[in-house]
Amino acid sequence: MRAAFTLVLALAIALCLVAGAQAADKEVTLKGTITCAKCDLKVEKACATVIKVSEDGKDVVYYFDADSGKKNHKTICQEAKEGTVTGTVSEKDGKKTVKVSKVDFK
């Protein structure tokens, strides 16, 4: 009986981990200000493309992945623009990153 309980518990934990991993791969749409982390926000020493969104009354900054950041940076470096970004969000070393699949400027 004890072995059966342990097996059921292990399967439940595995199911939760799989569900969490699938949720992390879900595409989201972020709406806010697309801008430069260095020139506008002054939080980096080098230019980086970011989107600043309001979540629960606080500003949250999502960094674009490297390829999308380079591709879209010229448009926003000297002038921030409102827009939406669709992509997969992750977090590493305390920074939120979005692997961009689509960018729309207003």
Foldseek 3Di string as FASTA:
>chain_A
DVVVVVVVVVVVVVVVVVVVVVVQQDKDKAWAKWAWCCQPVNPDPDTFTWGWGADPNDTAIATEPPVVRVVCVVVHYVHIFTWMFIAGWDDDPRHIYGDTPDIDTD
